[in-house]
Every structure is written in C-alpha cells, then in structure tokens.
Amino acid sequence: MSFKHYAMQEAKQQFVEYDKNSDGSVSWDEYNIQMYDRVIDFDENTALDDAEEESFRQLHLKDKKRFEKANQYSDSGLNLEEFIAFEHPEEVDYMTEFVIQEALEEHDKNGDGFVSLEEFLGDYRRDPTANEDPEWILVEKDRFLNDYDKDADGRLDPQELLSWVVPNNQGIAQEEALHLIDEMDLNSDRKLSEAEILENQDLFLTSEATDYGRQLHDEHFYHDEL
C-alpha cells in the first residue's frame, strides 16, 4: 500500500503540471510540451540515420503507444485515472497485456513468445579467458532460475515475465515488517504496542512502511492501525 500510495500521489502531482489548459485531461501535445518543450511527431515507418536520434525516436514511439493504450475511451486526452495508467502501467489491471507485450518486444529476440536465459541476460558475452562468470551474472542467473522460472523449463512465459518486469513488493514489505518487529518488539510477543512504537519512534518514522513518516500525516491514506 505504501509503494502504491506513493506512486499515485506522484502521478496526481504530475497530472496538474501536464494539464496545461486545466481542462481535466492531458493530451498527447501537452505531454510533449511538458517533457520536451515542443510537440514531437515522428514517422512510425521511417528510421533515422543518426543512431542517437533513432534511439530517441524509438523511445518516443513507445511512449506514444503506451499513451494510446492508457486512453481507454480513445478521446482527446487522458483523465487522471488514465494518466496514472500511463505513468504506472504496472499498477493498473487493463495495462497488464501491454506491459507483457512491451517486455516481449524488448527481450524476446527470436520471437517465440518466451524469454530464454540468454535473452534475459541481454548482450552479455562471457570472457573466453575467464574461469567463471562475474558475480553479477551469477546473481542474475540465480534470479532467473529460482525467482522467475517457476516451471523450470528454462524460459519465461508471459506470466513469469510479468513477475520480472513488475516486481511484487510483497517480499520487500514483509522484510520491512519483520525488521521493525525484530528491532522494536521489546516484550517479544511479535506485536508492536503503542508504547513500543513511541519508544522507538525514530526508527518507525524512518521506515518505508510509513513512507518515512509521511503517511502518518496523510488523512487520505487509509490504514486502520496507523
């Protein structure tokens, strides 16, 4: 909830900045003006000779495609909910297919609808003079095999791919909760009382669980126990 709340608040603040004419909608032109100080319109079918400009063209076209997908009703712009879907597609159910497809387009080099270990590692090529892979490659291979490839078939299907490109914050949240209890639970009952929180309020107020204390002052953030 903390992570999602932060993302939503950030998107709401951005929405006001992007909505230049304050009509409650962000058009594609307004997005361009906010991002690039001008309206940009690339030809989708014409590559540019300059490598840097072509790279920017590709990124801009990806943004446009995501903008169009977020626009559920195909009107002139994005309302707040659609803008949130554009900025944080991983948080919105109707954008899931788009997130998966975008990831496949980026990583599935042979077009088989899956991501192999080699595709997962990207452009890495092992040094033929080295006895073993560097540490970061070993870590990435372990993540592929033990965290993402749930059916152990040596490749990531669309749902497994989703767990990679849209990490589940549940594990991070659980680690932080256990950390707070380990540090603040003075009577070892595996619960935090008001007295224990007040005794360790500095730790509590600097925790991700409370968004570094901000949620304790946010009347719109719903959490019974906070």
Protein backbone atom coordinates (compact mmCIF):
# COMPACT_ATOMS: atom_id res chain seq x y z
CA MET A 1 0.00 0.00 0.00
CA SER A 2 2.88 2.33 0.80
CA PHE A 3 4.53 1.86 -2.58
CA LYS A 4 1.26 2.18 -4.48
CA HIS A 5 0.17 5.21 -2.50
CA TYR A 6 3.45 6.98 -3.26
CA ALA A 7 3.11 6.20 -6.99
CA MET A 8 -0.47 7.50 -7.06
CA GLN A 9 0.39 10.73 -5.25
CA GLU A 10 3.31 11.37 -7.57
CA ALA A 11 1.13 10.82 -10.65
CA LYS A 12 -1.54 13.19 -9.30
CA GLN A 13 1.04 15.95 -8.85
CA GLN A 14 2.39 15.39 -12.34
CA PHE A 15 -1.12 15.45 -13.81
CA VAL A 16 -1.61 19.06 -12.71
CA GLU A 17 1.72 20.06 -14.28
CA TYR A 18 0.99 18.31 -17.59
CA ASP A 19 -2.61 19.57 -17.90
CA LYS A 20 -1.60 22.94 -19.37
CA ASN A 21 -5.10 24.22 -20.06
CA SER A 22 -6.56 22.85 -16.80
CA ASP A 23 -9.40 21.04 -18.55
CA GLY A 24 -9.02 17.85 -16.51
CA SER A 25 -7.35 16.00 -19.37
CA VAL A 26 -3.75 15.58 -20.58
CA SER A 27 -3.46 15.49 -24.36
CA TRP A 28 -0.52 13.98 -26.26
CA ASP A 29 0.57 17.51 -27.23
CA GLU A 30 0.51 18.64 -23.59
CA TYR A 31 2.61 15.63 -22.63
CA ASN A 32 5.18 16.54 -25.29
CA ILE A 33 5.28 20.18 -24.26
CA GLN A 34 5.87 19.27 -20.61
CA MET A 35 8.51 16.66 -21.44
CA TYR A 36 10.31 18.27 -24.39
CA ASP A 37 9.10 21.90 -24.55
CA ARG A 38 7.69 21.20 -28.02
CA VAL A 39 5.34 18.88 -29.87
CA ILE A 40 7.25 16.00 -31.47
CA ASP A 41 5.83 13.90 -34.28
CA PHE A 42 7.98 11.08 -35.67
CA ASP A 43 7.10 8.97 -38.70
CA GLU A 44 6.47 5.48 -37.35
CA ASN A 45 7.77 3.82 -40.50
CA THR A 46 10.89 5.86 -41.21
CA ALA A 47 14.11 5.18 -39.31
CA LEU A 48 16.59 8.00 -38.80
CA ASP A 49 20.20 7.81 -39.95
CA ASP A 50 21.69 9.20 -36.76
CA ALA A 51 21.90 6.42 -34.15
CA GLU A 52 21.19 8.70 -31.19
CA GLU A 53 18.20 10.31 -32.89
CA GLU A 54 16.88 6.91 -33.92
CA SER A 55 17.15 5.68 -30.33
CA PHE A 56 15.16 8.71 -29.18
CA ARG A 57 12.58 8.11 -31.93
CA GLN A 58 12.08 4.54 -30.74
CA LEU A 59 11.61 5.64 -27.12
CA HIS A 60 9.20 8.38 -28.15
CA LEU A 61 7.11 5.95 -30.23
CA LYS A 62 6.99 3.55 -27.25
CA ASP A 63 5.69 6.39 -25.07
CA LYS A 64 3.05 7.21 -27.68
CA LYS A 65 1.96 3.59 -27.87
CA ARG A 66 1.63 3.42 -24.07
CA PHE A 67 -0.28 6.72 -24.09
CA GLU A 68 -2.75 5.36 -26.65
CA LYS A 69 -3.20 2.13 -24.71
CA ALA A 70 -3.86 4.02 -21.47
CA ASN A 71 -6.52 6.09 -23.24
CA GLN A 72 -9.41 3.67 -22.67
CA TYR A 73 -12.05 5.75 -24.41
CA SER A 74 -9.91 7.00 -27.33
CA ASP A 75 -10.82 10.62 -26.63
CA SER A 76 -8.62 13.71 -26.89
CA GLY A 77 -6.56 13.06 -23.78
CA LEU A 78 -6.06 11.16 -20.55
CA ASN A 79 -8.14 11.76 -17.46
CA LEU A 80 -6.46 11.29 -14.07
CA GLU A 81 -7.09 7.55 -13.86
CA GLU A 82 -5.80 7.03 -17.40
CA PHE A 83 -2.79 9.23 -16.71
CA ILE A 84 -1.95 7.03 -13.71
CA ALA A 85 -2.22 4.00 -16.03
CA PHE A 86 0.18 5.72 -18.45
CA GLU A 87 2.74 6.65 -15.79
CA HIS A 88 2.43 3.40 -13.79
CA PRO A 89 1.04 0.69 -16.11
CA GLU A 90 2.21 -1.96 -13.66
CA GLU A 91 -0.38 -0.73 -11.15
CA VAL A 92 -3.41 -0.96 -13.47
CA ASP A 93 -5.06 -4.22 -14.50
CA TYR A 94 -6.10 -3.20 -18.01
CA MET A 95 -2.46 -2.37 -18.85
CA THR A 96 -1.13 -5.83 -17.94
CA GLU A 97 -1.21 -7.20 -21.51
CA PHE A 98 0.56 -4.10 -22.75
CA VAL A 99 3.30 -4.45 -20.12
CA ILE A 100 3.86 -8.08 -21.11
CA GLN A 101 3.89 -7.31 -24.84
CA GLU A 102 6.30 -4.40 -24.36
CA ALA A 103 8.65 -6.64 -22.39
CA LEU A 104 8.49 -9.34 -25.08
CA GLU A 105 9.26 -6.81 -27.80
CA GLU A 106 12.33 -5.71 -25.88
CA HIS A 107 13.69 -9.08 -24.74
CA ASP A 108 12.25 -11.84 -26.94
CA LYS A 109 14.82 -11.62 -29.72
CA ASN A 110 13.82 -14.81 -31.57
CA GLY A 111 10.09 -14.05 -31.45
CA ASP A 112 8.97 -17.33 -29.88
CA GLY A 113 6.84 -15.65 -27.21
CA PHE A 114 9.23 -16.54 -24.36
CA VAL A 115 12.40 -15.12 -22.81
CA SER A 116 15.33 -17.51 -22.55
CA LEU A 117 18.20 -17.19 -20.09
CA GLU A 118 20.39 -15.74 -22.86
CA GLU A 119 17.71 -13.17 -23.73
CA PHE A 120 17.26 -12.43 -20.02
CA LEU A 121 20.98 -11.65 -19.69
CA GLY A 122 20.87 -9.39 -22.73
CA ASP A 123 24.08 -8.51 -24.54
CA TYR A 124 26.36 -10.23 -22.03
CA ARG A 125 29.11 -12.33 -23.60
CA ARG A 126 31.37 -14.38 -21.38
CA ASP A 127 35.06 -13.54 -21.48
CA PRO A 128 36.71 -16.65 -23.00
CA THR A 129 39.80 -16.06 -20.88
CA ALA A 130 37.81 -16.04 -17.60
CA ASN A 131 37.41 -19.15 -15.47
CA GLU A 132 33.90 -18.22 -14.41
CA ASP A 133 31.21 -15.61 -14.92
CA PRO A 134 31.38 -12.35 -12.92
CA GLU A 135 29.42 -12.15 -9.68
CA TRP A 136 26.57 -10.08 -11.12
CA ILE A 137 25.93 -12.66 -13.83
CA LEU A 138 25.81 -15.44 -11.24
CA VAL A 139 23.27 -13.39 -9.28
CA GLU A 140 21.15 -12.78 -12.39
CA LYS A 141 21.24 -16.46 -13.34
CA ASP A 142 20.13 -17.39 -9.83
CA ARG A 143 17.24 -14.93 -10.03
CA PHE A 144 16.18 -16.35 -13.40
CA LEU A 145 16.29 -19.97 -12.20
CA ASN A 146 14.94 -19.60 -8.67
CA ASP A 147 12.75 -16.49 -8.69
CA TYR A 148 11.18 -16.21 -12.12
CA ASP A 149 11.26 -19.55 -13.99
CA LYS A 150 8.59 -21.18 -11.82
CA ASP A 151 8.02 -24.22 -14.03
CA ALA A 152 11.78 -24.76 -14.51
CA ASP A 153 11.51 -25.10 -18.29
CA GLY A 154 14.46 -22.79 -18.95
CA ARG A 155 12.41 -19.87 -20.27
CA LEU A 156 9.99 -17.26 -19.01
CA ASP A 157 6.41 -17.43 -20.27
CA PRO A 158 4.31 -14.23 -20.29
CA GLN A 159 3.14 -14.62 -16.67
CA GLU A 160 6.65 -15.43 -15.42
CA LEU A 161 7.93 -12.48 -17.44
CA LEU A 162 5.42 -10.26 -15.66
CA SER A 163 6.92 -11.19 -12.28
CA TRP A 164 10.28 -9.96 -13.58
CA VAL A 165 9.27 -6.67 -15.20
CA VAL A 166 6.70 -5.87 -12.49
CA PRO A 167 8.32 -6.93 -9.22
CA ASN A 168 5.98 -7.93 -6.43
CA ASN A 169 6.54 -5.59 -3.47
CA GLN A 170 5.11 -8.16 -1.05
CA GLY A 171 8.55 -9.60 -0.22
CA ILE A 172 10.02 -6.15 0.41
CA ALA A 173 7.06 -5.25 2.62
CA GLN A 174 7.38 -8.47 4.63
CA GLU A 175 11.11 -7.92 5.17
CA GLU A 176 10.49 -4.39 6.42
CA ALA A 177 7.70 -5.56 8.76
CA LEU A 178 9.95 -8.28 10.23
CA HIS A 179 12.76 -5.76 10.59
CA LEU A 180 10.53 -3.38 12.56
CA ILE A 181 9.29 -6.15 14.84
CA ASP A 182 12.79 -7.50 15.44
CA GLU A 183 14.06 -4.04 16.37
CA MET A 184 11.06 -2.66 18.28
CA ASP A 185 9.28 -5.61 19.90
CA LEU A 186 10.59 -5.18 23.46
CA ASN A 187 8.47 -7.90 25.14
CA SER A 188 8.93 -10.47 22.35
CA ASP A 189 5.21 -11.01 21.71
CA ARG A 190 5.73 -10.43 17.96
CA LYS A 191 3.45 -7.41 18.05
CA LEU A 192 4.13 -3.69 18.29
CA SER A 193 2.30 -1.86 21.03
CA GLU A 194 1.81 1.90 21.15
CA ALA A 195 4.42 2.10 23.91
CA GLU A 196 6.97 0.15 21.85
CA ILE A 197 6.41 2.37 18.83
CA LEU A 198 6.79 5.52 20.92
CA GLU A 199 9.94 4.09 22.49
CA ASN A 200 11.40 3.62 19.01
CA GLN A 201 9.64 6.40 17.14
CA ASP A 202 12.72 7.49 15.20
CA LEU A 203 13.03 4.04 13.64
CA PHE A 204 9.28 3.92 12.92
CA LEU A 205 9.29 7.35 11.29
CA THR A 206 12.22 6.50 9.01
CA SER A 207 10.67 3.25 7.78
CA GLU A 208 9.42 2.54 4.26
CA ALA A 209 6.34 1.03 5.93
CA THR A 210 5.18 4.52 6.89
CA ASP A 211 6.64 6.13 3.74
CA TYR A 212 9.24 7.71 6.04
CA GLY A 213 6.53 9.07 8.32
CA ARG A 214 4.55 10.86 5.62
CA GLN A 215 1.58 8.51 5.83
CA LEU A 216 1.10 9.30 9.50
CA HIS A 217 0.25 12.86 8.47
CA ASP A 218 -1.82 11.99 5.38
CA GLU A 219 -5.51 11.93 6.23
CA HIS A 220 -6.35 10.44 2.82
CA PHE A 221 -4.20 7.36 3.33
CA TYR A 222 -6.40 4.65 4.82
CA HIS A 223 -4.76 2.33 7.32
CA ASP A 224 -6.61 1.34 10.47
CA GLU A 225 -3.60 0.57 12.64
CA LEU A 226 -1.58 3.62 11.58
